[in-house]
């Protein structure tokens, strides 16, 4: 009698090294940790197309400003992504393109491995890091109770704790240049008044 031993196959959530990667992993599973998912998720074409589908008279000031920033960011994003894809083609890295196709499919499908517990653990850790509070197992259990998750197995809780603890908020990826310009202009407008 052949029995399969070990952990059953299913959702795989690798260890994140920063908070953004942890959010992608919690939302999309193993494919969220790949470089292809970061390319697909940071692609400005999706937001540009979403805003352009709105009728011009129904676009808010915020939408118009966002469209302008995304188009400006697109001019810097296209050459960089072209260089990355060209290097992958020259290297013959077919796994990258397979991951890219899986990432696109994951974003278009409504069903993807989504872990609310992992998202809440990252949220609690990030809040503690920002406010200077320690990230403890006891605090995580209390946070789950406040957020409506009453019963959670202690072994699962310790796995979630170790998983979230590996994500550091200091290793955040670079801010897109369009978003940085927006904040500088807001600060200058405040200084002028």
C-alpha atoms as a PDB file:
ATOM      1  CA  UNK A   1       0.000   0.000   0.000  1.00  0.00           C
ATOM      2  CA  UNK A   2       1.583   3.224  -1.163  1.00  0.00           C
ATOM      3  CA  UNK A   3       0.891   6.220   0.993  1.00  0.00           C
ATOM      4  CA  UNK A   4       2.189   9.659   0.374  1.00  0.00           C
ATOM      5  CA  UNK A   5       4.084  10.937   3.365  1.00  0.00           C
ATOM      6  CA  UNK A   6       5.023  14.390   4.461  1.00  0.00           C
ATOM      7  CA  UNK A   7       3.327  17.680   3.962  1.00  0.00           C
ATOM      8  CA  UNK A   8       0.440  17.610   1.476  1.00  0.00           C
ATOM      9  CA  UNK A   9       0.994  19.555  -1.745  1.00  0.00           C
ATOM     10  CA  UNK A  10      -0.812  22.823  -1.966  1.00  0.00           C
ATOM     11  CA  UNK A  11      -0.086  26.443  -1.193  1.00  0.00           C
ATOM     12  CA  UNK A  12       3.570  27.333  -0.826  1.00  0.00           C
ATOM     13  CA  UNK A  13       4.560  30.563   0.882  1.00  0.00           C
ATOM     14  CA  UNK A  14       8.349  31.142   0.791  1.00  0.00           C
ATOM     15  CA  UNK A  15      10.100  33.363   3.338  1.00  0.00           C
ATOM     16  CA  UNK A  16      10.003  37.070   2.389  1.00  0.00           C
ATOM     17  CA  UNK A  17      12.987  39.354   2.831  1.00  0.00           C
ATOM     18  CA  UNK A  18      10.975  42.592   2.783  1.00  0.00           C
ATOM     19  CA  UNK A  19       7.397  43.623   3.523  1.00  0.00           C
ATOM     20  CA  UNK A  20       6.344  44.234  -0.087  1.00  0.00           C
ATOM     21  CA  UNK A  21       7.567  40.831  -1.164  1.00  0.00           C
ATOM     22  CA  UNK A  22       5.731  39.368   1.835  1.00  0.00           C
ATOM     23  CA  UNK A  23       2.501  41.044   0.703  1.00  0.00           C
ATOM     24  CA  UNK A  24       2.943  39.633  -2.799  1.00  0.00           C
ATOM     25  CA  UNK A  25       3.644  36.169  -1.384  1.00  0.00           C
ATOM     26  CA  UNK A  26       0.638  36.325   0.961  1.00  0.00           C
ATOM     27  CA  UNK A  27      -1.596  37.378  -1.913  1.00  0.00           C
ATOM     28  CA  UNK A  28      -0.283  35.175  -4.708  1.00  0.00           C
ATOM     29  CA  UNK A  29       1.621  32.266  -3.147  1.00  0.00           C
ATOM     30  CA  UNK A  30       4.996  31.083  -4.417  1.00  0.00           C
ATOM     31  CA  UNK A  31       4.828  33.072  -7.661  1.00  0.00           C
ATOM     32  CA  UNK A  32       4.652  36.269  -5.582  1.00  0.00           C
ATOM     33  CA  UNK A  33       8.331  35.861  -4.631  1.00  0.00           C
ATOM     34  CA  UNK A  34       9.545  35.824  -8.243  1.00  0.00           C
ATOM     35  CA  UNK A  35      11.042  38.772 -10.097  1.00  0.00           C
ATOM     36  CA  UNK A  36       8.390  38.251 -12.773  1.00  0.00           C
ATOM     37  CA  UNK A  37       5.603  39.070 -10.280  1.00  0.00           C
ATOM     38  CA  UNK A  38       7.341  42.299  -9.327  1.00  0.00           C
ATOM     39  CA  UNK A  39       7.548  43.287 -12.994  1.00  0.00           C
ATOM     40  CA  UNK A  40       3.890  42.467 -13.599  1.00  0.00           C
ATOM     41  CA  UNK A  41       2.661  44.117 -10.406  1.00  0.00           C
ATOM     42  CA  UNK A  42       4.635  47.343 -10.949  1.00  0.00           C
ATOM     43  CA  UNK A  43       3.597  47.616 -14.590  1.00  0.00           C
ATOM     44  CA  UNK A  44       2.002  51.064 -15.146  1.00  0.00           C
ATOM     45  CA  UNK A  45       0.016  49.918 -18.211  1.00  0.00           C
ATOM     46  CA  UNK A  46      -2.742  48.411 -16.050  1.00  0.00           C
ATOM     47  CA  UNK A  47      -3.465  51.661 -14.226  1.00  0.00           C
ATOM     48  CA  UNK A  48      -3.132  53.760 -17.376  1.00  0.00           C
ATOM     49  CA  UNK A  49      -5.658  51.572 -19.165  1.00  0.00           C
ATOM     50  CA  UNK A  50      -8.024  51.640 -16.180  1.00  0.00           C
ATOM     51  CA  UNK A  51      -8.003  55.451 -16.034  1.00  0.00           C
ATOM     52  CA  UNK A  52      -8.260  55.852 -19.819  1.00  0.00           C
ATOM     53  CA  UNK A  53     -11.417  53.690 -19.843  1.00  0.00           C
ATOM     54  CA  UNK A  54     -13.159  56.306 -17.681  1.00  0.00           C
ATOM     55  CA  UNK A  55     -14.996  58.999 -19.628  1.00  0.00           C
ATOM     56  CA  UNK A  56     -13.041  62.267 -19.627  1.00  0.00           C
ATOM     57  CA  UNK A  57     -15.816  64.194 -17.872  1.00  0.00           C
ATOM     58  CA  UNK A  58     -15.961  61.608 -15.039  1.00  0.00           C
ATOM     59  CA  UNK A  59     -12.235  61.626 -14.271  1.00  0.00           C
ATOM     60  CA  UNK A  60     -11.405  63.288 -10.990  1.00  0.00           C
ATOM     61  CA  UNK A  61      -8.450  65.609 -10.475  1.00  0.00           C
ATOM     62  CA  UNK A  62      -6.699  62.763  -8.704  1.00  0.00           C
ATOM     63  CA  UNK A  63      -7.228  60.442 -11.707  1.00  0.00           C
ATOM     64  CA  UNK A  64      -5.878  63.076 -14.112  1.00  0.00           C
ATOM     65  CA  UNK A  65      -2.810  63.623 -11.958  1.00  0.00           C
ATOM     66  CA  UNK A  66      -2.265  59.882 -11.566  1.00  0.00           C
ATOM     67  CA  UNK A  67      -2.530  59.395 -15.336  1.00  0.00           C
ATOM     68  CA  UNK A  68       0.100  62.087 -15.885  1.00  0.00           C
ATOM     69  CA  UNK A  69       2.433  60.514 -13.303  1.00  0.00           C
ATOM     70  CA  UNK A  70       1.971  56.998 -14.694  1.00  0.00           C
ATOM     71  CA  UNK A  71       2.729  58.188 -18.224  1.00  0.00           C
ATOM     72  CA  UNK A  72       5.874  59.926 -16.980  1.00  0.00           C
ATOM     73  CA  UNK A  73       6.873  56.789 -15.055  1.00  0.00           C
ATOM     74  CA  UNK A  74       6.177  54.696 -18.175  1.00  0.00           C
ATOM     75  CA  UNK A  75       8.900  56.547 -20.102  1.00  0.00           C
ATOM     76  CA  UNK A  76      11.467  55.387 -17.527  1.00  0.00           C
ATOM     77  CA  UNK A  77       9.916  51.950 -17.025  1.00  0.00           C
ATOM     78  CA  UNK A  78       9.887  50.834 -20.698  1.00  0.00           C
ATOM     79  CA  UNK A  79      13.672  51.002 -21.347  1.00  0.00           C
ATOM     80  CA  UNK A  80      14.490  49.335 -18.024  1.00  0.00           C
ATOM     81  CA  UNK A  81      12.093  46.428 -18.593  1.00  0.00           C
ATOM     82  CA  UNK A  82      13.255  46.120 -22.200  1.00  0.00           C
ATOM     83  CA  UNK A  83      16.826  45.753 -20.987  1.00  0.00           C
ATOM     84  CA  UNK A  84      15.847  43.128 -18.393  1.00  0.00           C
ATOM     85  CA  UNK A  85      13.800  41.096 -20.882  1.00  0.00           C
ATOM     86  CA  UNK A  86      16.589  41.371 -23.484  1.00  0.00           C
ATOM     87  CA  UNK A  87      19.116  40.008 -20.984  1.00  0.00           C
ATOM     88  CA  UNK A  88      16.770  37.114 -20.129  1.00  0.00           C
ATOM     89  CA  UNK A  89      16.340  36.289 -23.836  1.00  0.00           C
ATOM     90  CA  UNK A  90      20.095  36.417 -24.456  1.00  0.00           C
ATOM     91  CA  UNK A  91      20.720  34.182 -21.448  1.00  0.00           C
ATOM     92  CA  UNK A  92      18.042  31.718 -22.567  1.00  0.00           C
ATOM     93  CA  UNK A  93      16.264  31.965 -19.209  1.00  0.00           C
ATOM     94  CA  UNK A  94      13.031  30.164 -20.085  1.00  0.00           C
ATOM     95  CA  UNK A  95      12.037  29.786 -16.425  1.00  0.00           C
ATOM     96  CA  UNK A  96      11.714  33.571 -16.157  1.00  0.00           C
ATOM     97  CA  UNK A  97       9.216  33.645 -19.024  1.00  0.00           C
ATOM     98  CA  UNK A  98       7.313  30.724 -17.524  1.00  0.00           C
ATOM     99  CA  UNK A  99       7.131  32.626 -14.212  1.00  0.00           C
ATOM    100  CA  UNK A 100       6.064  35.752 -16.103  1.00  0.00           C
ATOM    101  CA  UNK A 101       3.199  33.892 -17.758  1.00  0.00           C
ATOM    102  CA  UNK A 102       2.154  32.381 -14.412  1.00  0.00           C
ATOM    103  CA  UNK A 103       2.271  35.823 -12.751  1.00  0.00           C
ATOM    104  CA  UNK A 104       0.078  37.359 -15.458  1.00  0.00           C
ATOM    105  CA  UNK A 105      -2.348  34.452 -15.169  1.00  0.00           C
ATOM    106  CA  UNK A 106      -2.367  34.802 -11.374  1.00  0.00           C
ATOM    107  CA  UNK A 107      -3.296  38.481 -11.576  1.00  0.00           C
ATOM    108  CA  UNK A 108      -6.027  37.940 -14.163  1.00  0.00           C
ATOM    109  CA  UNK A 109      -7.609  35.003 -12.313  1.00  0.00           C
ATOM    110  CA  UNK A 110      -9.813  35.855  -9.368  1.00  0.00           C
ATOM    111  CA  UNK A 111      -8.789  32.635  -7.625  1.00  0.00           C
ATOM    112  CA  UNK A 112      -5.271  32.684  -6.284  1.00  0.00           C
ATOM    113  CA  UNK A 113      -3.736  31.467  -3.042  1.00  0.00           C
ATOM    114  CA  UNK A 114      -4.650  34.208  -0.613  1.00  0.00           C
ATOM    115  CA  UNK A 115      -3.673  34.071   3.056  1.00  0.00           C
ATOM    116  CA  UNK A 116      -5.476  36.532   5.301  1.00  0.00           C
ATOM    117  CA  UNK A 117      -3.511  35.308   8.326  1.00  0.00           C
ATOM    118  CA  UNK A 118      -0.196  36.119   6.640  1.00  0.00           C
ATOM    119  CA  UNK A 119      -1.413  39.563   5.579  1.00  0.00           C
ATOM    120  CA  UNK A 120      -2.527  40.313   9.132  1.00  0.00           C
ATOM    121  CA  UNK A 121       0.802  39.102  10.541  1.00  0.00           C
ATOM    122  CA  UNK A 122       2.684  41.428   8.183  1.00  0.00           C
ATOM    123  CA  UNK A 123       0.335  44.287   9.044  1.00  0.00           C
ATOM    124  CA  UNK A 124       0.963  43.778  12.767  1.00  0.00           C
ATOM    125  CA  UNK A 125       4.732  43.519  12.282  1.00  0.00           C
ATOM    126  CA  UNK A 126       4.881  46.631  10.109  1.00  0.00           C
ATOM    127  CA  UNK A 127       2.803  48.607  12.623  1.00  0.00           C
ATOM    128  CA  UNK A 128       5.075  47.488  15.443  1.00  0.00           C
ATOM    129  CA  UNK A 129       8.201  48.408  13.475  1.00  0.00           C
ATOM    130  CA  UNK A 130       6.852  51.854  12.687  1.00  0.00           C
ATOM    131  CA  UNK A 131       5.728  52.592  16.252  1.00  0.00           C
ATOM    132  CA  UNK A 132       8.766  50.940  17.871  1.00  0.00           C
ATOM    133  CA  UNK A 133       6.870  48.102  19.540  1.00  0.00           C
ATOM    134  CA  UNK A 134       8.325  44.606  19.739  1.00  0.00           C
ATOM    135  CA  UNK A 135       6.900  41.896  17.472  1.00  0.00           C
ATOM    136  CA  UNK A 136       6.032  39.008  19.782  1.00  0.00           C
ATOM    137  CA  UNK A 137       4.041  35.811  19.472  1.00  0.00           C
ATOM    138  CA  UNK A 138       1.741  36.901  22.268  1.00  0.00           C
ATOM    139  CA  UNK A 139       1.093  40.256  20.613  1.00  0.00           C
ATOM    140  CA  UNK A 140       0.345  38.520  17.310  1.00  0.00           C
ATOM    141  CA  UNK A 141      -2.240  36.259  18.960  1.00  0.00           C
ATOM    142  CA  UNK A 142      -3.905  39.300  20.564  1.00  0.00           C
ATOM    143  CA  UNK A 143      -3.867  41.097  17.202  1.00  0.00           C
ATOM    144  CA  UNK A 144      -5.620  38.145  15.540  1.00  0.00           C
ATOM    145  CA  UNK A 145      -8.294  38.212  18.244  1.00  0.00           C
ATOM    146  CA  UNK A 146      -8.863  41.945  17.723  1.00  0.00           C
ATOM    147  CA  UNK A 147      -9.186  41.383  13.975  1.00  0.00           C
ATOM    148  CA  UNK A 148     -11.819  38.646  14.412  1.00  0.00           C
ATOM    149  CA  UNK A 149      -9.789  35.421  14.173  1.00  0.00           C
ATOM    150  CA  UNK A 150     -10.743  33.753  17.446  1.00  0.00           C
ATOM    151  CA  UNK A 151      -9.244  30.274  17.122  1.00  0.00           C
ATOM    152  CA  UNK A 152      -5.831  29.666  15.645  1.00  0.00           C
ATOM    153  CA  UNK A 153      -3.669  26.630  16.239  1.00  0.00           C
ATOM    154  CA  UNK A 154      -0.494  27.405  18.206  1.00  0.00           C
ATOM    155  CA  UNK A 155       1.737  25.585  15.710  1.00  0.00           C
ATOM    156  CA  UNK A 156       0.217  27.578  12.830  1.00  0.00           C
ATOM    157  CA  UNK A 157       0.608  30.772  14.838  1.00  0.00           C
ATOM    158  CA  UNK A 158       4.304  30.093  15.448  1.00  0.00           C
ATOM    159  CA  UNK A 159       4.837  29.382  11.723  1.00  0.00           C
ATOM    160  CA  UNK A 160       3.111  32.640  10.813  1.00  0.00           C
ATOM    161  CA  UNK A 161       5.182  34.465  13.430  1.00  0.00           C
ATOM    162  CA  UNK A 162       8.470  33.117  12.055  1.00  0.00           C
ATOM    163  CA  UNK A 163       7.343  33.852   8.494  1.00  0.00           C
ATOM    164  CA  UNK A 164       6.405  37.477   9.228  1.00  0.00           C
ATOM    165  CA  UNK A 165       9.493  38.058  11.362  1.00  0.00           C
ATOM    166  CA  UNK A 166      11.738  37.358   8.359  1.00  0.00           C
ATOM    167  CA  UNK A 167      10.261  40.353   6.469  1.00  0.00           C
ATOM    168  CA  UNK A 168      12.146  43.567   7.173  1.00  0.00           C
ATOM    169  CA  UNK A 169      10.571  46.902   6.392  1.00  0.00           C
ATOM    170  CA  UNK A 170      13.956  48.596   5.998  1.00  0.00           C
ATOM    171  CA  UNK A 171      14.644  46.641   2.777  1.00  0.00           C
ATOM    172  CA  UNK A 172      11.827  48.241   0.791  1.00  0.00           C
ATOM    173  CA  UNK A 173      12.175  48.506  -2.993  1.00  0.00           C
ATOM    174  CA  UNK A 174      12.798  51.855  -4.644  1.00  0.00           C
ATOM    175  CA  UNK A 175       9.878  54.264  -4.881  1.00  0.00           C
ATOM    176  CA  UNK A 176       8.701  54.848  -8.460  1.00  0.00           C
ATOM    177  CA  UNK A 177       9.970  58.242  -9.625  1.00  0.00           C
ATOM    178  CA  UNK A 178       6.490  59.607 -10.370  1.00  0.00           C
ATOM    179  CA  UNK A 179       5.369  59.099  -6.778  1.00  0.00           C
ATOM    180  CA  UNK A 180       8.433  60.934  -5.450  1.00  0.00           C
ATOM    181  CA  UNK A 181       7.700  63.993  -7.604  1.00  0.00           C
ATOM    182  CA  UNK A 182       4.134  64.081  -6.302  1.00  0.00           C
ATOM    183  CA  UNK A 183       5.306  64.269  -2.665  1.00  0.00           C
ATOM    184  CA  UNK A 184       7.927  66.952  -3.375  1.00  0.00           C
ATOM    185  CA  UNK A 185       5.355  69.179  -5.085  1.00  0.00           C
ATOM    186  CA  UNK A 186       2.932  68.758  -2.202  1.00  0.00           C
ATOM    187  CA  UNK A 187       5.638  69.784   0.279  1.00  0.00           C
ATOM    188  CA  UNK A 188       6.549  72.815  -1.842  1.00  0.00           C
ATOM    189  CA  UNK A 189       2.903  73.868  -2.035  1.00  0.00           C
ATOM    190  CA  UNK A 190       2.631  73.646   1.759  1.00  0.00           C
ATOM    191  CA  UNK A 191       5.790  75.749   2.195  1.00  0.00           C
ATOM    192  CA  UNK A 192       4.487  78.493  -0.136  1.00  0.00           C
ATOM    193  CA  UNK A 193       1.278  79.025   1.870  1.00  0.00           C
END
